[in-house]
Amino acid sequence: MLLICAADCIDAGHRTQTPASAQSRAAVESELAKLPPELRSQAKAMLDQSDERRRALLAAGLARNRPAELTEFLIAVLAAEQAVSVRLAIVDTLGRYSSPRVREELSRLASSDTEVRVSLLALERLRWLITEDARDLLNRRLELARRSGDQAAISRLQAEQERWISLLKGTMLPGFLRVPPARFSLKQTDQPIRVLAFGDFGTGSSSQKQVAAAMAEWHRKTPFDFAITLGDNFYSAGMSSPTDPRWKILWDELYDPLGIKFYATLGNHDWVMSDSPAAEILYSDRSPSWRMPSPYYTFTAGPVQFFALDTNEVSDAQLAWFDGELKKSTSKWKIVYAHHPIYSDGEHGDSPVLTEKLLPLLRSRVDVYLAGHDHILNHVKPEAGVEFFVSGGAGAGLYKATPRARSLFAESKNGFSILEVDWKTFKLKFIGADSKPLYEYSISK
């Protein structure tokens, strides 16, 4: 059922419905008839859906799964469907598909649509597509420098590539905030460490509070030396500034009482608002507990060197820095932590990009790779000496865990991790939101 609803009516929580114009409805029916039977059935189900939220989800699914075949149909729907949530869903999803027809429609919407939210989103999607084209040109030039072995050009182009990653994402992250500090140390080499680790938490939900309370309970029994976060620190779009009032309820009140430092990484949700990465880095100067010196950095603690990476888009500059720091490391144990897993038995699953770009640098050089992103607790069998753990869901809604032959542990539960490392042994424990141990694993060398 294709309906028109004024944006202010939707925002007010009620609807005033009027039929779509005969011309626009005819255009939709015409494009619907051109679709192959399978797609026509799915498209008709979307049109017949009376619930606006459900219709938006169905429209986004169509745009995401078969954009090439559905472009003209969805453009016709945009002209007829004035429920803002549905139109935004189509623009957001179809606008990620690069074709001349999509770009033409985005340009039209950006310059002339009567709903400002649709215009701004269309402009943002168009900016992303154009910027991606330019970034790809830069990557081609970088590849040329690699083939010629021009090290000076490679260094210059890698630095520029990081700037273009920020431009592509639309973030306001100055170059000086992207520079990792020199390696620093938290605890002497001959001392054991006890570390709290968790990701995907900043929702303000009862689950986040319950997990935070369980962390505090374990800390009272046997204190942690420090903590690390695995990204998606603040839903759903990061922090607007270092003075965003949500810092108080989503961070300060829950984690400051532990009296330890938390060394954080950025997740995909932390990159949504344009100022969020900078806000999270700069909050380090305002907080007794929060620490994020740059998007990626390294430090030692006891017998371990930790490498905090930004896996939202792994730049060549970051990979070169990481490889160089690994070569210099003399620590007995090497632990890498980031937001996106390389291997995961959750809904997001494995990352082909990280498997290609990052995994080769880890093999036979790193002991542990710890990530979030999938809201589960997961341990995957090691590969080339690397143990793979996922510790998401420290407050965010849970995802389904699907154990496979490679799985050593995979459960859809809120919780966190405890790392205990001395000169001989690494031990990881998964702890549930109810404060009960769920899994324990150790390796020695």
Protein backbone atom coordinates (compact mmCIF):
# COMPACT_ATOMS: atom_id res chain seq x y z
CA MET A 1 0.00 0.00 0.00
CA LEU A 2 1.86 3.09 -1.26
CA LEU A 3 1.05 6.10 0.93
CA ILE A 4 2.02 9.74 1.28
CA CYS A 5 2.62 11.09 4.76
CA ALA A 6 3.91 14.56 5.61
CA ALA A 7 7.18 14.52 7.58
CA ASP A 8 5.75 16.59 10.42
CA CYS A 9 2.90 14.07 10.84
CA ILE A 10 5.42 11.22 11.14
CA ASP A 11 7.48 13.13 13.67
CA ALA A 12 4.35 13.92 15.66
CA GLY A 13 3.52 10.25 15.90
CA HIS A 14 0.34 10.21 13.77
CA ARG A 15 -0.40 10.02 10.06
CA THR A 16 -2.54 11.93 7.62
CA GLN A 17 -2.71 9.70 4.56
CA THR A 18 -3.58 10.73 1.02
CA PRO A 19 -3.25 8.66 -2.15
CA ALA A 20 -0.14 9.06 -4.25
CA SER A 21 -0.63 10.99 -7.49
CA ALA A 22 -1.98 8.97 -10.38
CA GLN A 23 1.10 9.74 -12.46
CA SER A 24 3.62 8.65 -9.81
CA ARG A 25 1.62 5.54 -8.94
CA ALA A 26 1.41 4.62 -12.62
CA ALA A 27 5.19 4.96 -12.89
CA VAL A 28 5.66 2.58 -9.96
CA GLU A 29 3.27 0.03 -11.47
CA SER A 30 5.02 0.31 -14.83
CA GLU A 31 8.46 -0.34 -13.31
CA LEU A 32 7.04 -3.12 -11.14
CA ALA A 33 5.74 -4.92 -14.23
CA LYS A 34 9.22 -4.89 -15.79
CA LEU A 35 10.81 -6.82 -12.92
CA PRO A 36 11.43 -10.58 -13.14
CA PRO A 37 8.81 -12.63 -11.22
CA GLU A 38 10.91 -13.25 -8.09
CA LEU A 39 11.83 -9.59 -7.67
CA ARG A 40 8.32 -8.45 -8.62
CA SER A 41 6.90 -10.51 -5.76
CA GLN A 42 9.34 -9.01 -3.25
CA ALA A 43 8.78 -5.48 -4.54
CA LYS A 44 5.01 -5.86 -4.38
CA ALA A 45 5.23 -7.15 -0.81
CA MET A 46 7.09 -3.95 0.08
CA LEU A 47 4.47 -1.76 -1.62
CA ASP A 48 1.62 -3.60 0.11
CA GLN A 49 3.18 -3.26 3.57
CA SER A 50 1.04 -0.85 5.59
CA ASP A 51 3.47 -0.47 8.49
CA GLU A 52 5.84 2.36 7.62
CA ARG A 53 8.80 1.06 9.59
CA ARG A 54 8.49 -2.37 8.04
CA ARG A 55 8.11 -0.87 4.58
CA ALA A 56 11.34 1.09 5.11
CA LEU A 57 13.20 -2.08 6.10
CA LEU A 58 11.90 -3.97 3.07
CA ALA A 59 12.81 -1.10 0.74
CA ALA A 60 16.34 -0.96 2.16
CA GLY A 61 16.68 -4.72 1.74
CA LEU A 62 15.69 -4.51 -1.91
CA ALA A 63 18.14 -1.67 -2.55
CA ARG A 64 20.96 -3.48 -0.77
CA ASN A 65 20.57 -6.92 -2.35
CA ARG A 66 19.69 -6.19 -6.00
CA PRO A 67 20.46 -2.52 -6.73
CA ALA A 68 21.26 -2.90 -10.43
CA GLU A 69 17.96 -4.60 -11.24
CA LEU A 70 15.83 -2.44 -8.96
CA THR A 71 17.24 1.03 -9.60
CA GLU A 72 14.44 2.32 -11.84
CA PHE A 73 11.73 0.78 -9.68
CA LEU A 74 13.13 2.32 -6.48
CA ILE A 75 13.55 5.71 -8.14
CA ALA A 76 9.89 5.55 -9.13
CA VAL A 77 8.99 4.67 -5.53
CA LEU A 78 10.97 7.69 -4.30
CA ALA A 79 8.74 9.96 -6.39
CA ALA A 80 5.53 8.38 -5.11
CA GLU A 81 6.37 7.49 -1.51
CA GLN A 82 6.54 10.52 0.75
CA ALA A 83 6.81 8.74 4.09
CA VAL A 84 10.18 10.19 5.06
CA SER A 85 11.52 7.09 6.79
CA VAL A 86 10.91 4.99 3.68
CA ARG A 87 12.46 7.55 1.34
CA LEU A 88 15.48 7.95 3.59
CA ALA A 89 15.95 4.17 3.68
CA ILE A 90 15.96 4.01 -0.12
CA VAL A 91 18.33 6.97 -0.54
CA ASP A 92 20.68 5.69 2.15
CA THR A 93 20.95 2.19 0.68
CA LEU A 94 20.57 2.74 -3.06
CA GLY A 95 22.92 5.75 -2.74
CA ARG A 96 25.79 3.40 -1.95
CA TYR A 97 25.52 1.86 -5.43
CA SER A 98 27.61 3.66 -8.01
CA SER A 99 25.88 4.02 -11.36
CA PRO A 100 25.22 7.05 -13.59
CA ARG A 101 21.46 6.70 -13.01
CA VAL A 102 21.80 6.64 -9.24
CA ARG A 103 24.11 9.66 -9.28
CA GLU A 104 21.65 11.53 -11.49
CA GLU A 105 18.83 10.83 -9.04
CA LEU A 106 20.96 11.79 -6.03
CA SER A 107 21.80 15.09 -7.71
CA ARG A 108 18.12 15.78 -8.35
CA LEU A 109 17.13 14.97 -4.79
CA ALA A 110 20.00 17.00 -3.30
CA SER A 111 19.09 20.12 -5.24
CA SER A 112 15.30 20.03 -5.32
CA ASP A 113 13.63 17.59 -2.92
CA THR A 114 11.04 19.26 -0.69
CA GLU A 115 12.17 17.31 2.40
CA VAL A 116 15.47 18.71 3.65
CA ARG A 117 16.51 15.45 5.33
CA VAL A 118 16.22 13.60 2.04
CA SER A 119 18.20 16.33 0.25
CA LEU A 120 21.00 16.26 2.80
CA LEU A 121 21.26 12.48 2.78
CA ALA A 122 21.28 12.43 -1.02
CA LEU A 123 24.06 15.04 -0.98
CA GLU A 124 26.04 12.96 1.52
CA ARG A 125 25.71 9.80 -0.56
CA LEU A 126 26.74 11.73 -3.70
CA ARG A 127 29.74 13.18 -1.85
CA TRP A 128 30.75 9.67 -0.79
CA LEU A 129 30.56 8.28 -4.33
CA ILE A 130 32.56 11.17 -5.83
CA THR A 131 35.15 11.05 -3.06
CA GLU A 132 35.52 7.30 -3.50
CA ASP A 133 36.33 7.87 -7.17
CA ALA A 134 39.07 10.33 -6.23
CA ARG A 135 40.41 8.05 -3.49
CA ASP A 136 40.65 5.20 -6.00
CA LEU A 137 42.80 7.41 -8.24
CA LEU A 138 45.12 8.02 -5.29
CA ASN A 139 45.31 4.27 -4.60
CA ARG A 140 46.25 3.63 -8.23
CA ARG A 141 49.06 6.20 -7.93
CA LEU A 142 50.23 4.54 -4.72
CA GLU A 143 50.37 1.16 -6.47
CA LEU A 144 52.46 2.74 -9.23
CA ALA A 145 54.92 4.02 -6.61
CA ARG A 146 55.15 0.54 -5.10
CA ARG A 147 55.91 -1.05 -8.44
CA SER A 148 58.67 1.48 -9.09
CA GLY A 149 60.07 1.16 -5.56
CA ASP A 150 59.91 4.91 -4.96
CA GLN A 151 60.00 4.96 -1.14
CA ALA A 152 59.74 8.75 -0.82
CA ALA A 153 56.62 8.76 -2.98
CA ILE A 154 55.17 5.77 -1.08
CA SER A 155 55.52 7.58 2.26
CA ARG A 156 53.99 10.78 0.91
CA LEU A 157 51.09 8.95 -0.77
CA GLN A 158 50.39 6.79 2.30
CA ALA A 159 50.01 9.90 4.44
CA GLU A 160 47.67 11.39 1.86
CA GLN A 161 45.70 8.15 1.71
CA GLU A 162 44.89 8.46 5.42
CA ARG A 163 43.55 11.97 4.82
CA TRP A 164 41.37 10.68 1.99
CA ILE A 165 40.00 7.91 4.23
CA SER A 166 38.77 10.65 6.56
CA LEU A 167 37.39 12.62 3.62
CA LEU A 168 35.57 9.54 2.38
CA LYS A 169 33.98 8.92 5.77
CA GLY A 170 33.12 12.61 6.14
CA THR A 171 34.96 12.92 9.45
CA MET A 172 36.69 15.99 10.81
CA LEU A 173 39.88 14.32 12.03
CA PRO A 174 42.92 16.62 11.71
CA GLY A 175 46.16 15.06 10.60
CA PHE A 176 47.91 15.79 13.89
CA LEU A 177 45.32 13.66 15.75
CA ARG A 178 46.08 10.70 13.48
CA VAL A 179 49.76 10.56 14.45
CA PRO A 180 50.42 7.71 16.91
CA PRO A 181 52.58 8.57 19.92
CA ALA A 182 55.84 6.81 20.63
CA ARG A 183 55.44 3.48 22.38
CA PHE A 184 54.74 3.96 26.08
CA SER A 185 54.81 1.61 29.07
CA LEU A 186 52.23 0.92 31.79
CA LYS A 187 53.99 -1.70 33.91
CA GLN A 188 57.49 -3.15 34.27
CA THR A 189 58.45 -6.07 32.04
CA ASP A 190 58.95 -8.59 34.87
CA GLN A 191 55.50 -8.05 36.39
CA PRO A 192 52.33 -9.99 35.52
CA ILE A 193 49.29 -8.08 34.30
CA ARG A 194 45.53 -8.42 34.64
CA VAL A 195 43.49 -6.65 31.97
CA LEU A 196 39.78 -6.04 31.41
CA ALA A 197 38.63 -6.16 27.74
CA PHE A 198 35.21 -5.47 26.22
CA GLY A 199 33.52 -4.00 23.16
CA ASP A 200 30.16 -2.88 21.73
CA PHE A 201 28.72 -1.33 24.85
CA GLY A 202 27.78 2.38 24.84
CA THR A 203 24.00 2.14 24.60
CA GLY A 204 22.83 3.20 28.05
CA SER A 205 20.87 -0.07 28.18
CA SER A 206 20.20 -2.19 31.23
CA SER A 207 22.57 -4.75 29.70
CA GLN A 208 25.43 -2.24 29.63
CA LYS A 209 24.81 -1.35 33.26
CA GLN A 210 24.62 -5.00 34.28
CA VAL A 211 27.88 -5.85 32.51
CA ALA A 212 29.58 -2.78 34.04
CA ALA A 213 28.40 -3.89 37.49
CA ALA A 214 29.86 -7.36 36.89
CA MET A 215 33.17 -5.78 35.85
CA ALA A 216 33.21 -3.77 39.08
CA GLU A 217 32.46 -6.90 41.12
CA TRP A 218 35.42 -8.77 39.62
CA HIS A 219 37.63 -5.70 40.04
CA ARG A 220 36.83 -5.57 43.76
CA LYS A 221 37.87 -9.20 44.19
CA THR A 222 41.09 -9.02 42.16
CA PRO A 223 41.87 -5.58 40.71
CA PHE A 224 42.60 -5.02 37.05
CA ASP A 225 45.76 -3.13 36.12
CA PHE A 226 44.00 -1.39 33.21
CA ALA A 227 41.38 -2.04 30.53
CA ILE A 228 41.06 -1.99 26.74
CA THR A 229 37.93 -1.31 24.69
CA LEU A 230 37.20 -2.99 21.37
CA GLY A 231 35.22 -0.22 19.71
CA ASP A 232 31.59 0.78 19.21
CA ASN A 233 32.08 2.71 22.41
CA PHE A 234 29.04 4.97 21.89
CA TYR A 235 25.90 4.15 19.93
CA SER A 236 24.53 4.87 17.54
CA ALA A 237 26.81 7.52 16.07
CA GLY A 238 29.70 8.16 18.46
CA MET A 239 30.14 11.43 20.37
CA SER A 240 29.44 14.91 19.03
CA SER A 241 32.23 16.58 21.04
CA PRO A 242 34.43 16.17 24.13
CA THR A 243 31.67 17.98 26.05
CA ASP A 244 28.77 15.86 24.79
CA PRO A 245 26.53 15.33 27.86
CA ARG A 246 26.26 11.62 27.07
CA TRP A 247 29.83 11.11 28.29
CA LYS A 248 28.50 11.34 31.84
CA ILE A 249 25.90 8.57 31.63
CA LEU A 250 27.50 6.32 29.01
CA TRP A 251 31.05 6.45 30.38
CA ASP A 252 31.89 8.43 33.52
CA GLU A 253 29.24 7.03 35.86
CA LEU A 254 29.82 3.44 34.82
CA TYR A 255 33.60 3.12 34.44
CA ASP A 256 35.32 5.94 36.34
CA PRO A 257 34.54 4.24 39.69
CA LEU A 258 36.92 1.37 38.83
CA GLY A 259 39.83 3.80 39.21
CA ILE A 260 41.84 2.40 36.27
CA LYS A 261 42.75 3.61 32.78
CA PHE A 262 40.87 2.32 29.72
CA TYR A 263 42.81 2.29 26.43
CA ALA A 264 40.19 2.54 23.69
CA THR A 265 39.85 1.80 19.99
CA LEU A 266 37.33 3.11 17.46
CA GLY A 267 34.43 1.05 16.11
CA ASN A 268 32.28 1.73 13.06
CA HIS A 269 29.64 3.48 15.18
CA ASP A 270 32.34 5.77 16.57
CA TRP A 271 33.03 6.98 13.02
CA VAL A 272 29.44 8.01 12.17
CA MET A 273 29.25 11.62 13.35
CA SER A 274 31.83 13.75 11.62
CA ASP A 275 33.45 14.97 14.84
CA SER A 276 33.26 11.73 16.81
CA PRO A 277 36.78 10.31 16.30
CA ALA A 278 38.33 13.65 17.28
CA ALA A 279 35.92 13.96 20.22
CA GLU A 280 36.92 10.55 21.56
CA ILE A 281 40.63 11.27 21.18
CA LEU A 282 40.34 14.69 22.86
CA TYR A 283 38.27 13.38 25.77
CA SER A 284 41.48 11.76 27.00
CA ASP A 285 42.46 15.20 28.34
CA ARG A 286 39.21 15.55 30.30
CA SER A 287 38.78 12.10 31.82
CA PRO A 288 40.51 10.32 34.70
CA SER A 289 39.87 6.96 33.01
CA TRP A 290 39.40 7.31 29.22
CA ARG A 291 42.51 7.12 27.05
CA MET A 292 42.72 7.23 23.25
CA PRO A 293 45.95 8.94 22.13
CA SER A 294 45.23 8.40 18.40
CA PRO A 295 43.23 6.03 16.17
CA TYR A 296 46.07 3.47 16.43
CA TYR A 297 48.95 3.20 18.88
CA THR A 298 51.09 0.75 20.87
CA PHE A 299 52.21 0.31 24.47
CA THR A 300 53.83 -2.28 26.72
CA ALA A 301 52.60 -3.66 30.03
CA GLY A 302 54.49 -6.38 31.85
CA PRO A 303 55.62 -9.03 29.34
CA VAL A 304 53.11 -7.87 26.69
CA GLN A 305 53.19 -5.34 23.88
CA PHE A 306 49.67 -4.23 22.93
CA PHE A 307 48.84 -2.87 19.48
CA ALA A 308 45.57 -0.92 19.25
CA LEU A 309 44.45 -0.71 15.62
CA ASP A 310 41.73 1.16 13.75
CA THR A 311 40.15 -1.43 11.45
CA ASN A 312 37.37 0.77 10.08
CA GLU A 313 39.56 1.13 7.02
CA VAL A 314 43.10 -0.11 7.33
CA SER A 315 45.33 2.42 5.61
CA ASP A 316 48.68 1.57 4.08
CA ALA A 317 50.27 4.04 6.50
CA GLN A 318 48.79 2.18 9.47
CA LEU A 319 49.96 -1.18 8.12
CA ALA A 320 53.47 0.16 7.54
CA TRP A 321 53.54 1.61 11.07
CA PHE A 322 52.26 -1.66 12.54
CA ASP A 323 54.81 -3.75 10.65
CA GLY A 324 57.59 -1.44 11.81
CA GLU A 325 56.48 -1.58 15.46
CA LEU A 326 56.26 -5.38 15.32
CA LYS A 327 59.81 -5.57 13.98
CA LYS A 328 61.06 -3.42 16.86
CA SER A 329 59.15 -5.29 19.57
CA THR A 330 61.13 -7.34 22.10
CA SER A 331 58.12 -8.28 24.29
CA LYS A 332 57.47 -11.93 25.10
CA TRP A 333 53.76 -11.65 24.18
CA LYS A 334 52.16 -9.57 21.45
CA ILE A 335 48.43 -8.80 21.60
CA VAL A 336 46.58 -6.91 18.86
CA TYR A 337 43.15 -5.48 19.58
CA ALA A 338 40.74 -3.71 17.27
CA HIS A 339 37.04 -3.49 16.51
CA HIS A 340 36.54 -5.81 13.53
CA PRO A 341 37.29 -9.52 13.82
CA ILE A 342 39.30 -11.36 11.21
CA TYR A 343 37.39 -14.56 11.96
CA SER A 344 34.06 -14.62 13.76
CA ASP A 345 31.16 -17.05 14.28
CA GLY A 346 28.70 -14.16 14.64
CA GLU A 347 26.37 -12.49 12.17
CA HIS A 348 29.06 -10.27 10.63
CA GLY A 349 31.34 -13.27 10.13
CA ASP A 350 34.84 -13.20 8.71
CA SER A 351 36.41 -10.10 7.19
CA PRO A 352 37.84 -10.67 3.69
CA VAL A 353 39.54 -7.26 3.81
CA LEU A 354 41.34 -7.96 7.09
CA THR A 355 42.17 -11.49 5.97
CA GLU A 356 43.91 -10.03 2.94
CA LYS A 357 45.51 -6.94 4.47
CA LEU A 358 46.11 -7.55 8.17
CA LEU A 359 46.35 -11.30 8.71
CA PRO A 360 49.62 -11.70 6.76
CA LEU A 361 51.29 -9.30 9.22
CA LEU A 362 50.00 -11.30 12.21
CA ARG A 363 50.98 -14.81 11.17
CA SER A 364 53.79 -16.29 13.29
CA ARG A 365 54.43 -12.82 14.79
CA VAL A 366 51.45 -12.11 17.07
CA ASP A 367 49.97 -14.29 19.81
CA VAL A 368 46.43 -12.92 20.15
CA TYR A 369 43.98 -10.95 18.01
CA LEU A 370 41.06 -9.63 20.06
CA ALA A 371 38.06 -7.85 18.51
CA GLY A 372 34.40 -6.90 18.95
CA HIS A 373 31.83 -5.93 16.27
CA ASP A 374 29.91 -9.20 16.52
CA HIS A 375 27.89 -9.01 19.74
CA ILE A 376 28.89 -12.45 20.98
CA LEU A 377 31.66 -14.17 22.95
CA ASN A 378 33.78 -16.28 20.62
CA HIS A 379 37.07 -18.15 20.36
CA VAL A 380 38.20 -19.50 16.99
CA LYS A 381 40.96 -22.07 16.54
CA PRO A 382 44.41 -20.54 16.09
CA GLU A 383 46.08 -20.07 12.73
CA ALA A 384 49.83 -19.67 12.27
CA GLY A 385 50.23 -19.16 16.01
CA VAL A 386 47.51 -16.48 16.33
CA GLU A 387 44.54 -16.95 18.71
CA PHE A 388 41.32 -15.22 17.63
CA PHE A 389 38.82 -13.93 20.20
CA VAL A 390 35.65 -11.85 19.88
CA SER A 391 34.39 -10.06 22.97
CA GLY A 392 31.44 -7.94 21.82
CA GLY A 393 28.11 -7.35 23.47
CA ALA A 394 29.17 -5.52 26.63
CA GLY A 395 25.89 -3.62 26.46
CA ALA A 396 24.67 -3.70 22.85
CA GLY A 397 21.92 -6.03 21.65
CA LEU A 398 23.10 -9.58 21.06
CA TYR A 399 23.73 -11.27 17.72
CA LYS A 400 23.25 -14.92 16.89
CA ALA A 401 26.32 -17.13 17.36
CA THR A 402 26.72 -20.03 14.94
CA PRO A 403 29.44 -22.44 16.08
CA ARG A 404 31.43 -24.15 13.32
CA ALA A 405 34.05 -26.88 13.20
CA ARG A 406 36.70 -24.24 13.90
CA SER A 407 34.90 -22.89 17.00
CA LEU A 408 36.36 -23.47 20.44
CA PHE A 409 33.64 -21.35 22.07
CA ALA A 410 30.76 -19.35 20.61
CA GLU A 411 27.79 -18.05 22.59
CA SER A 412 25.33 -15.22 22.18
CA LYS A 413 25.75 -13.64 25.60
CA ASN A 414 26.49 -10.24 27.05
CA GLY A 415 29.77 -10.15 28.88
CA PHE A 416 33.43 -9.18 28.95
CA SER A 417 36.92 -10.69 28.98
CA ILE A 418 39.72 -10.89 31.49
CA LEU A 419 43.31 -11.30 30.29
CA GLU A 420 45.95 -12.57 32.72
CA VAL A 421 49.50 -12.71 31.41
CA ASP A 422 52.84 -13.45 32.99
CA TRP A 423 56.18 -14.38 31.47
CA LYS A 424 55.11 -17.99 30.83
CA THR A 425 51.32 -18.01 30.40
CA PHE A 426 48.50 -16.15 28.67
CA LYS A 427 45.01 -16.79 30.01
CA LEU A 428 41.66 -15.44 28.82
CA LYS A 429 38.32 -15.74 30.63
CA PHE A 430 34.89 -14.86 29.28
CA ILE A 431 32.61 -13.56 32.05
CA GLY A 432 28.84 -13.24 31.63
CA ALA A 433 26.67 -10.28 32.58
CA ASP A 434 25.61 -12.25 35.66
CA SER A 435 29.28 -12.25 36.76
CA LYS A 436 29.64 -16.01 36.21
CA PRO A 437 32.60 -17.46 34.29
CA LEU A 438 31.64 -18.87 30.89
CA TYR A 439 34.92 -20.02 29.37
CA GLU A 440 38.63 -20.13 30.13
CA TYR A 441 41.59 -20.75 27.84
CA SER A 442 45.34 -20.57 28.36
CA ILE A 443 48.50 -20.95 26.31
CA SER A 444 52.09 -21.23 27.46
CA LYS A 445 55.43 -20.58 25.83
